[in-house]
Amino acid sequence: MYGLRITHYHFTMSIKKPIGIFDSGVGGLSVLREIRAQMPGENLIYFGDQGHVPYGPRPMEQIQGFSEGITRFLLKHNSKVIVVACNTASAAALKYLRETFPDVQFVGMEPAVKPAAEKTQTGKVGVLATPATFQGALYASVVERFANGVELFQNTCPGLVGQIEKGELDAPETRAILEDALLPMLEKNIDTVVLGCTHYPFVIPLIERIVGENVRVIDPAPAVAKQVKRLLEADGILNQNQGEGTIRFVTSGEADSVKSVLSLLLGIDGEIETVTWVDDRGIL
């Protein structure tokens, strides 16, 4: 009996462990929002690496280093699964993380080219993502497997991540960046837009105003949350607590600026913990 009680205790503790989520900044909050909607009882810990945002222009090895450091931090805080809620980090570091931490369950981001290719009527699809995502093997693999017979039009939307980090979701400059990307695609007769960066769902209302009601905009966050839930259910560690789980927010940047954007994007007025990088590998 004693042994059974110990086993049950550890099992219960595993269920209560948080889901670890990280991104270069606030973009991964679009994934956190969907995880919260699908699994309200789960405890969450979110790491925004504002000290290094944006990841898009950085070398792959550097992004791997950041991702490893953040993963070690999230594991130190007992994360039971880690969501790489950043397309750039997924493209640059997901394979590396799985090799470095073979006993850890990771869920990453993949540009939603497959559903776009399945649903397009014109055979023409726009993809908005960072340079690192477009250059990564993950994107190339997705295109090779699922985009046969579909014409893809790509744009890196320079400056858009920075606008969203500042909370400028509907500013003239934000609209100009999106129009520069989308208007040439509309001239090519696209009927679907894939969001290949977790920051971009926060400007979906603006994108929809630009492209019109006949163009579908695909947000990958619901599919990612669904995969997290599937993994937790398979391992028997889904937290089905009837109340709302806790959320911890951690940043390597300025807490005050993150707090104001957090309120704007999620309607949450949470406390923000700050940490400091050491040599871009470890976190204090």
C-alpha atoms as a PDB file:
ATOM      1  CA  MET A   1       0.000   0.000   0.000  1.00  0.00           C
ATOM      2  CA  TYR A   2       2.782   2.384   0.893  1.00  0.00           C
ATOM      3  CA  GLY A   3       4.425   1.863  -2.486  1.00  0.00           C
ATOM      4  CA  LEU A   4       1.100   2.454  -4.251  1.00  0.00           C
ATOM      5  CA  ARG A   5       0.603   5.736  -2.396  1.00  0.00           C
ATOM      6  CA  ILE A   6       4.085   6.916  -3.434  1.00  0.00           C
ATOM      7  CA  THR A   7       3.394   6.009  -7.072  1.00  0.00           C
ATOM      8  CA  HIS A   8       0.062   7.830  -7.009  1.00  0.00           C
ATOM      9  CA  TYR A   9       1.716  10.867  -5.431  1.00  0.00           C
ATOM     10  CA  HIS A  10       4.346  11.081  -8.182  1.00  0.00           C
ATOM     11  CA  PHE A  11       1.675  10.560 -10.842  1.00  0.00           C
ATOM     12  CA  THR A  12      -0.420  13.401  -9.395  1.00  0.00           C
ATOM     13  CA  MET A  13       2.649  15.627  -9.224  1.00  0.00           C
ATOM     14  CA  SER A  14       3.387  14.916 -12.915  1.00  0.00           C
ATOM     15  CA  ILE A  15      -0.114  15.998 -13.879  1.00  0.00           C
ATOM     16  CA  LYS A  16       0.290  19.266 -11.983  1.00  0.00           C
ATOM     17  CA  LYS A  17       3.632  20.116 -13.599  1.00  0.00           C
ATOM     18  CA  PRO A  18       3.421  23.065 -16.013  1.00  0.00           C
ATOM     19  CA  ILE A  19       3.556  23.119 -19.771  1.00  0.00           C
ATOM     20  CA  GLY A  20       6.677  25.090 -20.737  1.00  0.00           C
ATOM     21  CA  ILE A  21       6.245  27.495 -23.676  1.00  0.00           C
ATOM     22  CA  PHE A  22       8.868  29.762 -25.213  1.00  0.00           C
ATOM     23  CA  ASP A  23       9.339  32.267 -28.017  1.00  0.00           C
ATOM     24  CA  SER A  24      11.724  35.063 -28.944  1.00  0.00           C
ATOM     25  CA  GLY A  25       9.130  37.513 -27.635  1.00  0.00           C
ATOM     26  CA  VAL A  26       5.373  37.842 -27.253  1.00  0.00           C
ATOM     27  CA  GLY A  27       4.452  35.917 -30.419  1.00  0.00           C
ATOM     28  CA  GLY A  28       4.144  32.590 -28.619  1.00  0.00           C
ATOM     29  CA  LEU A  29       1.337  34.092 -26.565  1.00  0.00           C
ATOM     30  CA  SER A  30      -0.888  33.307 -29.557  1.00  0.00           C
ATOM     31  CA  VAL A  31      -0.096  29.629 -28.889  1.00  0.00           C
ATOM     32  CA  LEU A  32      -0.459  30.030 -25.109  1.00  0.00           C
ATOM     33  CA  ARG A  33      -3.891  31.592 -25.701  1.00  0.00           C
ATOM     34  CA  GLU A  34      -5.019  28.532 -27.657  1.00  0.00           C
ATOM     35  CA  ILE A  35      -3.512  26.054 -25.167  1.00  0.00           C
ATOM     36  CA  ARG A  36      -5.399  27.891 -22.431  1.00  0.00           C
ATOM     37  CA  ALA A  37      -8.640  27.671 -24.436  1.00  0.00           C
ATOM     38  CA  GLN A  38      -8.285  23.925 -25.078  1.00  0.00           C
ATOM     39  CA  MET A  39      -6.782  22.935 -21.701  1.00  0.00           C
ATOM     40  CA  PRO A  40      -7.885  25.502 -19.101  1.00  0.00           C
ATOM     41  CA  GLY A  41      -6.800  23.353 -16.150  1.00  0.00           C
ATOM     42  CA  GLU A  42      -3.142  23.217 -17.196  1.00  0.00           C
ATOM     43  CA  ASN A  43      -0.486  25.212 -15.356  1.00  0.00           C
ATOM     44  CA  LEU A  44       1.693  27.163 -17.807  1.00  0.00           C
ATOM     45  CA  ILE A  45       5.094  28.821 -17.737  1.00  0.00           C
ATOM     46  CA  TYR A  46       5.896  31.182 -20.606  1.00  0.00           C
ATOM     47  CA  PHE A  47       9.417  32.382 -21.447  1.00  0.00           C
ATOM     48  CA  GLY A  48       9.707  35.378 -23.777  1.00  0.00           C
ATOM     49  CA  ASP A  49      13.317  35.988 -24.851  1.00  0.00           C
ATOM     50  CA  GLN A  50      12.904  39.737 -25.356  1.00  0.00           C
ATOM     51  CA  GLY A  51      16.605  40.136 -24.609  1.00  0.00           C
ATOM     52  CA  HIS A  52      17.313  38.578 -28.018  1.00  0.00           C
ATOM     53  CA  VAL A  53      14.216  39.407 -30.086  1.00  0.00           C
ATOM     54  CA  PRO A  54      13.944  39.072 -33.064  1.00  0.00           C
ATOM     55  CA  TYR A  55      15.370  35.614 -33.806  1.00  0.00           C
ATOM     56  CA  GLY A  56      14.613  35.816 -37.539  1.00  0.00           C
ATOM     57  CA  PRO A  57      17.884  37.390 -38.782  1.00  0.00           C
ATOM     58  CA  ARG A  58      20.165  35.455 -36.376  1.00  0.00           C
ATOM     59  CA  PRO A  59      22.463  32.511 -37.280  1.00  0.00           C
ATOM     60  CA  MET A  60      21.082  29.020 -36.704  1.00  0.00           C
ATOM     61  CA  GLU A  61      23.786  28.069 -34.180  1.00  0.00           C
ATOM     62  CA  GLN A  62      22.978  31.098 -32.048  1.00  0.00           C
ATOM     63  CA  ILE A  63      19.251  30.304 -32.038  1.00  0.00           C
ATOM     64  CA  GLN A  64      20.108  26.718 -31.039  1.00  0.00           C
ATOM     65  CA  GLY A  65      22.101  28.073 -28.101  1.00  0.00           C
ATOM     66  CA  PHE A  66      19.254  30.309 -26.953  1.00  0.00           C
ATOM     67  CA  SER A  67      16.746  27.458 -27.323  1.00  0.00           C
ATOM     68  CA  GLU A  68      18.926  25.071 -25.324  1.00  0.00           C
ATOM     69  CA  GLY A  69      19.367  27.595 -22.517  1.00  0.00           C
ATOM     70  CA  ILE A  70      15.637  28.284 -22.327  1.00  0.00           C
ATOM     71  CA  THR A  71      14.842  24.554 -22.405  1.00  0.00           C
ATOM     72  CA  ARG A  72      17.192  23.946 -19.458  1.00  0.00           C
ATOM     73  CA  PHE A  73      15.472  26.787 -17.583  1.00  0.00           C
ATOM     74  CA  LEU A  74      11.982  25.382 -18.265  1.00  0.00           C
ATOM     75  CA  LEU A  75      13.060  21.868 -17.254  1.00  0.00           C
ATOM     76  CA  LYS A  76      14.571  23.269 -14.064  1.00  0.00           C
ATOM     77  CA  HIS A  77      11.079  24.579 -13.342  1.00  0.00           C
ATOM     78  CA  ASN A  78       9.571  21.111 -13.871  1.00  0.00           C
ATOM     79  CA  SER A  79       7.959  21.525 -17.303  1.00  0.00           C
ATOM     80  CA  LYS A  80       6.342  18.237 -18.378  1.00  0.00           C
ATOM     81  CA  VAL A  81       6.344  19.134 -22.081  1.00  0.00           C
ATOM     82  CA  ILE A  82       8.005  22.002 -23.946  1.00  0.00           C
ATOM     83  CA  VAL A  83       6.290  23.960 -26.703  1.00  0.00           C
ATOM     84  CA  VAL A  84       8.665  25.778 -29.038  1.00  0.00           C
ATOM     85  CA  ALA A  85       6.086  28.467 -29.838  1.00  0.00           C
ATOM     86  CA  CYS A  86       8.347  30.152 -32.351  1.00  0.00           C
ATOM     87  CA  ASN A  87       8.587  29.235 -36.027  1.00  0.00           C
ATOM     88  CA  THR A  88      12.163  30.490 -36.281  1.00  0.00           C
ATOM     89  CA  ALA A  89      13.350  28.494 -33.264  1.00  0.00           C
ATOM     90  CA  SER A  90      11.466  25.426 -34.509  1.00  0.00           C
ATOM     91  CA  ALA A  91      13.148  25.706 -37.905  1.00  0.00           C
ATOM     92  CA  ALA A  92      16.609  26.274 -36.447  1.00  0.00           C
ATOM     93  CA  ALA A  93      16.606  24.247 -33.244  1.00  0.00           C
ATOM     94  CA  LEU A  94      13.796  21.689 -32.906  1.00  0.00           C
ATOM     95  CA  LYS A  95      15.832  18.777 -34.296  1.00  0.00           C
ATOM     96  CA  TYR A  96      18.828  19.876 -32.181  1.00  0.00           C
ATOM     97  CA  LEU A  97      16.681  20.066 -29.021  1.00  0.00           C
ATOM     98  CA  ARG A  98      15.247  16.585 -29.558  1.00  0.00           C
ATOM     99  CA  GLU A  99      18.752  15.184 -29.974  1.00  0.00           C
ATOM    100  CA  THR A 100      20.071  17.092 -26.935  1.00  0.00           C
ATOM    101  CA  PHE A 101      17.114  16.196 -24.670  1.00  0.00           C
ATOM    102  CA  PRO A 102      15.979  12.740 -25.902  1.00  0.00           C
ATOM    103  CA  ASP A 103      13.703  12.144 -22.884  1.00  0.00           C
ATOM    104  CA  VAL A 104      11.750  15.403 -23.295  1.00  0.00           C
ATOM    105  CA  GLN A 105       8.552  15.807 -25.327  1.00  0.00           C
ATOM    106  CA  PHE A 106       8.784  18.820 -27.653  1.00  0.00           C
ATOM    107  CA  VAL A 107       6.029  20.339 -29.784  1.00  0.00           C
ATOM    108  CA  GLY A 108       7.180  22.798 -32.415  1.00  0.00           C
ATOM    109  CA  MET A 109       5.734  25.064 -35.072  1.00  0.00           C
ATOM    110  CA  GLU A 110       5.391  24.071 -38.709  1.00  0.00           C
ATOM    111  CA  PRO A 111       4.120  26.448 -41.405  1.00  0.00           C
ATOM    112  CA  ALA A 112       0.568  25.332 -42.219  1.00  0.00           C
ATOM    113  CA  VAL A 113       1.301  24.647 -45.885  1.00  0.00           C
ATOM    114  CA  LYS A 114      -0.506  21.283 -45.820  1.00  0.00           C
ATOM    115  CA  PRO A 115      -3.988  22.591 -44.873  1.00  0.00           C
ATOM    116  CA  ALA A 116      -3.479  25.571 -47.203  1.00  0.00           C
ATOM    117  CA  ALA A 117      -2.631  23.279 -50.117  1.00  0.00           C
ATOM    118  CA  GLU A 118      -5.670  21.105 -49.338  1.00  0.00           C
ATOM    119  CA  LYS A 119      -8.096  24.029 -49.157  1.00  0.00           C
ATOM    120  CA  THR A 120      -6.931  26.422 -51.887  1.00  0.00           C
ATOM    121  CA  GLN A 121      -9.210  26.746 -54.898  1.00  0.00           C
ATOM    122  CA  THR A 122      -6.924  28.916 -57.016  1.00  0.00           C
ATOM    123  CA  GLY A 123      -3.775  26.870 -56.320  1.00  0.00           C
ATOM    124  CA  LYS A 124      -2.023  30.035 -55.147  1.00  0.00           C
ATOM    125  CA  VAL A 125      -1.062  30.517 -51.480  1.00  0.00           C
ATOM    126  CA  GLY A 126       0.719  33.335 -49.665  1.00  0.00           C
ATOM    127  CA  VAL A 127       3.139  32.521 -46.838  1.00  0.00           C
ATOM    128  CA  LEU A 128       4.290  35.126 -44.300  1.00  0.00           C
ATOM    129  CA  ALA A 129       7.310  34.072 -42.211  1.00  0.00           C
ATOM    130  CA  THR A 130      10.787  35.118 -41.067  1.00  0.00           C
ATOM    131  CA  PRO A 131      13.940  34.607 -43.189  1.00  0.00           C
ATOM    132  CA  ALA A 132      15.184  31.834 -40.873  1.00  0.00           C
ATOM    133  CA  THR A 133      11.921  29.910 -41.284  1.00  0.00           C
ATOM    134  CA  PHE A 134      12.041  30.117 -45.076  1.00  0.00           C
ATOM    135  CA  GLN A 135      15.700  29.030 -45.129  1.00  0.00           C
ATOM    136  CA  GLY A 136      15.230  26.104 -42.728  1.00  0.00           C
ATOM    137  CA  ALA A 137      15.064  22.440 -43.667  1.00  0.00           C
ATOM    138  CA  LEU A 138      11.684  22.123 -41.897  1.00  0.00           C
ATOM    139  CA  TYR A 139       9.979  24.537 -44.289  1.00  0.00           C
ATOM    140  CA  ALA A 140      11.654  22.941 -47.308  1.00  0.00           C
ATOM    141  CA  SER A 141      10.436  19.526 -46.158  1.00  0.00           C
ATOM    142  CA  VAL A 142       6.848  20.739 -45.680  1.00  0.00           C
ATOM    143  CA  VAL A 143       6.816  22.350 -49.132  1.00  0.00           C
ATOM    144  CA  GLU A 144       8.274  19.243 -50.768  1.00  0.00           C
ATOM    145  CA  ARG A 145       5.740  16.937 -49.096  1.00  0.00           C
ATOM    146  CA  PHE A 146       2.549  18.965 -49.330  1.00  0.00           C
ATOM    147  CA  ALA A 147       2.775  21.807 -51.866  1.00  0.00           C
ATOM    148  CA  ASN A 148       2.797  19.800 -55.096  1.00  0.00           C
ATOM    149  CA  GLY A 149       0.807  21.648 -57.724  1.00  0.00           C
ATOM    150  CA  VAL A 150       0.437  24.724 -55.497  1.00  0.00           C
ATOM    151  CA  GLU A 151       2.196  28.008 -56.188  1.00  0.00           C
ATOM    152  CA  LEU A 152       3.595  29.656 -53.042  1.00  0.00           C
ATOM    153  CA  PHE A 153       4.297  33.364 -52.702  1.00  0.00           C
ATOM    154  CA  GLN A 154       6.592  34.200 -49.786  1.00  0.00           C
ATOM    155  CA  ASN A 155       7.282  37.390 -47.866  1.00  0.00           C
ATOM    156  CA  THR A 156       9.364  38.011 -44.722  1.00  0.00           C
ATOM    157  CA  CYS A 157       7.419  41.131 -43.604  1.00  0.00           C
ATOM    158  CA  PRO A 158      10.503  43.063 -42.369  1.00  0.00           C
ATOM    159  CA  GLY A 159       9.718  44.990 -39.199  1.00  0.00           C
ATOM    160  CA  LEU A 160       6.387  43.307 -38.442  1.00  0.00           C
ATOM    161  CA  VAL A 161       7.640  41.359 -35.392  1.00  0.00           C
ATOM    162  CA  GLY A 162       8.983  44.610 -33.915  1.00  0.00           C
ATOM    163  CA  GLN A 163       5.637  46.352 -34.424  1.00  0.00           C
ATOM    164  CA  ILE A 164       3.783  43.540 -32.654  1.00  0.00           C
ATOM    165  CA  GLU A 165       6.324  43.500 -29.813  1.00  0.00           C
ATOM    166  CA  LYS A 166       5.488  47.187 -29.277  1.00  0.00           C
ATOM    167  CA  GLY A 167       1.758  46.460 -29.356  1.00  0.00           C
ATOM    168  CA  GLU A 168       1.323  48.461 -32.576  1.00  0.00           C
ATOM    169  CA  LEU A 169      -1.288  46.087 -33.985  1.00  0.00           C
ATOM    170  CA  ASP A 170      -3.230  48.605 -36.048  1.00  0.00           C
ATOM    171  CA  ALA A 171      -0.715  51.376 -36.665  1.00  0.00           C
ATOM    172  CA  PRO A 172      -0.173  52.889 -40.149  1.00  0.00           C
ATOM    173  CA  GLU A 173       3.361  51.451 -40.228  1.00  0.00           C
ATOM    174  CA  THR A 174       2.048  47.957 -39.431  1.00  0.00           C
ATOM    175  CA  ARG A 175      -0.545  48.246 -42.184  1.00  0.00           C
ATOM    176  CA  ALA A 176       2.112  49.429 -44.651  1.00  0.00           C
ATOM    177  CA  ILE A 177       4.306  46.386 -43.905  1.00  0.00           C
ATOM    178  CA  LEU A 178       1.371  44.030 -44.468  1.00  0.00           C
ATOM    179  CA  GLU A 179       0.184  45.791 -47.606  1.00  0.00           C
ATOM    180  CA  ASP A 180       3.692  45.581 -49.091  1.00  0.00           C
ATOM    181  CA  ALA A 181       3.566  41.817 -48.506  1.00  0.00           C
ATOM    182  CA  LEU A 182      -0.055  41.046 -49.358  1.00  0.00           C
ATOM    183  CA  LEU A 183      -1.109  43.329 -52.214  1.00  0.00           C
ATOM    184  CA  PRO A 184       1.319  41.772 -54.744  1.00  0.00           C
ATOM    185  CA  MET A 185       0.092  38.325 -53.624  1.00  0.00           C
ATOM    186  CA  LEU A 186      -3.540  39.362 -54.149  1.00  0.00           C
ATOM    187  CA  GLU A 187      -2.625  40.429 -57.682  1.00  0.00           C
ATOM    188  CA  LYS A 188      -1.408  36.845 -58.222  1.00  0.00           C
ATOM    189  CA  ASN A 189      -4.864  35.568 -57.159  1.00  0.00           C
ATOM    190  CA  ILE A 190      -4.016  33.938 -53.815  1.00  0.00           C
ATOM    191  CA  ASP A 191      -7.005  32.695 -51.838  1.00  0.00           C
ATOM    192  CA  THR A 192      -5.165  31.529 -48.702  1.00  0.00           C
ATOM    193  CA  VAL A 193      -2.584  33.127 -46.389  1.00  0.00           C
ATOM    194  CA  VAL A 194      -0.403  30.994 -44.111  1.00  0.00           C
ATOM    195  CA  LEU A 195       0.973  32.648 -40.964  1.00  0.00           C
ATOM    196  CA  GLY A 196       4.459  31.198 -40.473  1.00  0.00           C
ATOM    197  CA  CYS A 197       5.347  33.243 -37.390  1.00  0.00           C
ATOM    198  CA  THR A 198       3.591  33.054 -34.017  1.00  0.00           C
ATOM    199  CA  HIS A 199       3.569  36.858 -33.743  1.00  0.00           C
ATOM    200  CA  TYR A 200       1.390  37.253 -36.821  1.00  0.00           C
ATOM    201  CA  PRO A 201      -1.965  35.923 -35.487  1.00  0.00           C
ATOM    202  CA  PHE A 202      -2.200  39.074 -33.377  1.00  0.00           C
ATOM    203  CA  VAL A 203      -2.655  41.103 -36.583  1.00  0.00           C
ATOM    204  CA  ILE A 204      -5.196  38.738 -38.191  1.00  0.00           C
ATOM    205  CA  PRO A 205      -7.962  41.411 -38.000  1.00  0.00           C
ATOM    206  CA  LEU A 206      -5.732  43.808 -39.970  1.00  0.00           C
ATOM    207  CA  ILE A 207      -4.717  41.088 -42.450  1.00  0.00           C
ATOM    208  CA  GLU A 208      -8.383  40.207 -43.023  1.00  0.00           C
ATOM    209  CA  ARG A 209      -9.242  43.833 -43.728  1.00  0.00           C
ATOM    210  CA  ILE A 210      -6.471  43.965 -46.340  1.00  0.00           C
ATOM    211  CA  VAL A 211      -7.149  40.648 -48.115  1.00  0.00           C
ATOM    212  CA  GLY A 212     -10.954  40.682 -47.905  1.00  0.00           C
ATOM    213  CA  GLU A 213     -13.489  38.026 -46.998  1.00  0.00           C
ATOM    214  CA  ASN A 214     -12.669  35.692 -49.913  1.00  0.00           C
ATOM    215  CA  VAL A 215      -9.146  34.934 -48.671  1.00  0.00           C
ATOM    216  CA  ARG A 216      -8.688  32.383 -45.885  1.00  0.00           C
ATOM    217  CA  VAL A 217      -6.097  33.162 -43.170  1.00  0.00           C
ATOM    218  CA  ILE A 218      -4.629  30.106 -41.433  1.00  0.00           C
ATOM    219  CA  ASP A 219      -3.483  30.409 -37.809  1.00  0.00           C
ATOM    220  CA  PRO A 220      -1.449  27.311 -36.784  1.00  0.00           C
ATOM    221  CA  ALA A 221      -1.989  27.771 -33.026  1.00  0.00           C
ATOM    222  CA  PRO A 222      -5.145  25.596 -32.689  1.00  0.00           C
ATOM    223  CA  ALA A 223      -3.410  22.619 -34.332  1.00  0.00           C
ATOM    224  CA  VAL A 224      -0.364  23.037 -32.078  1.00  0.00           C
ATOM    225  CA  ALA A 225      -2.514  23.131 -28.926  1.00  0.00           C
ATOM    226  CA  LYS A 226      -4.367  20.044 -30.148  1.00  0.00           C
ATOM    227  CA  GLN A 227      -1.051  18.191 -30.548  1.00  0.00           C
ATOM    228  CA  VAL A 228       0.039  19.180 -27.012  1.00  0.00           C
ATOM    229  CA  LYS A 229      -3.256  17.873 -25.646  1.00  0.00           C
ATOM    230  CA  ARG A 230      -2.865  14.621 -27.597  1.00  0.00           C
ATOM    231  CA  LEU A 231       0.622  14.038 -26.152  1.00  0.00           C
ATOM    232  CA  LEU A 232      -0.485  14.735 -22.582  1.00  0.00           C
ATOM    233  CA  GLU A 233      -3.483  12.433 -22.936  1.00  0.00           C
ATOM    234  CA  ALA A 234      -1.296   9.671 -24.379  1.00  0.00           C
ATOM    235  CA  ASP A 235       1.085   9.966 -21.406  1.00  0.00           C
ATOM    236  CA  GLY A 236      -1.801  10.158 -18.922  1.00  0.00           C
ATOM    237  CA  ILE A 237      -0.673  13.544 -17.583  1.00  0.00           C
ATOM    238  CA  LEU A 238      -3.379  15.886 -18.877  1.00  0.00           C
ATOM    239  CA  ASN A 239      -4.490  18.150 -16.042  1.00  0.00           C
ATOM    240  CA  GLN A 240      -8.287  18.051 -16.065  1.00  0.00           C
ATOM    241  CA  ASN A 241      -8.647  20.283 -13.036  1.00  0.00           C
ATOM    242  CA  GLN A 242     -12.000  22.068 -13.255  1.00  0.00           C
ATOM    243  CA  GLY A 243     -10.516  25.408 -12.216  1.00  0.00           C
ATOM    244  CA  GLU A 244      -8.121  27.561 -14.218  1.00  0.00           C
ATOM    245  CA  GLY A 245      -4.449  26.664 -14.028  1.00  0.00           C
ATOM    246  CA  THR A 246      -1.752  29.154 -13.140  1.00  0.00           C
ATOM    247  CA  ILE A 247       0.358  31.110 -15.648  1.00  0.00           C
ATOM    248  CA  ARG A 248       3.915  32.300 -14.966  1.00  0.00           C
ATOM    249  CA  PHE A 249       5.434  34.864 -17.315  1.00  0.00           C
ATOM    250  CA  VAL A 250       9.223  35.145 -17.564  1.00  0.00           C
ATOM    251  CA  THR A 251      11.214  37.540 -19.755  1.00  0.00           C
ATOM    252  CA  SER A 252      14.873  38.231 -20.475  1.00  0.00           C
ATOM    253  CA  GLY A 253      13.883  41.793 -21.395  1.00  0.00           C
ATOM    254  CA  GLU A 254      12.169  44.717 -19.691  1.00  0.00           C
ATOM    255  CA  ALA A 255       9.275  43.612 -17.492  1.00  0.00           C
ATOM    256  CA  ASP A 256       7.281  46.857 -17.811  1.00  0.00           C
ATOM    257  CA  SER A 257       7.162  46.835 -21.614  1.00  0.00           C
ATOM    258  CA  VAL A 258       6.199  43.135 -21.655  1.00  0.00           C
ATOM    259  CA  LYS A 259       3.493  43.759 -19.062  1.00  0.00           C
ATOM    260  CA  SER A 260       1.783  46.453 -21.145  1.00  0.00           C
ATOM    261  CA  VAL A 261       1.818  44.297 -24.297  1.00  0.00           C
ATOM    262  CA  LEU A 262       0.593  41.278 -22.309  1.00  0.00           C
ATOM    263  CA  SER A 263      -2.438  43.268 -21.203  1.00  0.00           C
ATOM    264  CA  LEU A 264      -3.130  44.351 -24.798  1.00  0.00           C
ATOM    265  CA  LEU A 265      -2.710  40.911 -26.401  1.00  0.00           C
ATOM    266  CA  LEU A 266      -4.300  38.646 -23.789  1.00  0.00           C
ATOM    267  CA  GLY A 267      -6.238  40.978 -21.515  1.00  0.00           C
ATOM    268  CA  ILE A 268      -4.182  39.648 -18.590  1.00  0.00           C
ATOM    269  CA  ASP A 269      -2.552  41.866 -15.983  1.00  0.00           C
ATOM    270  CA  GLY A 270       0.000  39.355 -14.722  1.00  0.00           C
ATOM    271  CA  GLU A 271       3.292  39.779 -12.927  1.00  0.00           C
ATOM    272  CA  ILE A 272       6.401  39.417 -15.090  1.00  0.00           C
ATOM    273  CA  GLU A 273       9.525  37.720 -13.754  1.00  0.00           C
ATOM    274  CA  THR A 274      12.862  38.802 -15.210  1.00  0.00           C
ATOM    275  CA  VAL A 275      15.982  36.709 -15.808  1.00  0.00           C
ATOM    276  CA  THR A 276      19.465  37.460 -17.110  1.00  0.00           C
ATOM    277  CA  TRP A 277      21.458  35.626 -19.757  1.00  0.00           C
ATOM    278  CA  VAL A 278      25.052  34.568 -19.080  1.00  0.00           C
ATOM    279  CA  ASP A 279      27.151  34.252 -22.249  1.00  0.00           C
ATOM    280  CA  ASP A 280      23.959  33.561 -24.277  1.00  0.00           C
ATOM    281  CA  ARG A 281      23.898  29.977 -22.958  1.00  0.00           C
ATOM    282  CA  GLY A 282      22.848  29.996 -19.319  1.00  0.00           C
ATOM    283  CA  ILE A 283      20.110  31.879 -17.490  1.00  0.00           C
ATOM    284  CA  LEU A 284      20.222  33.398 -14.003  1.00  0.00           C
END
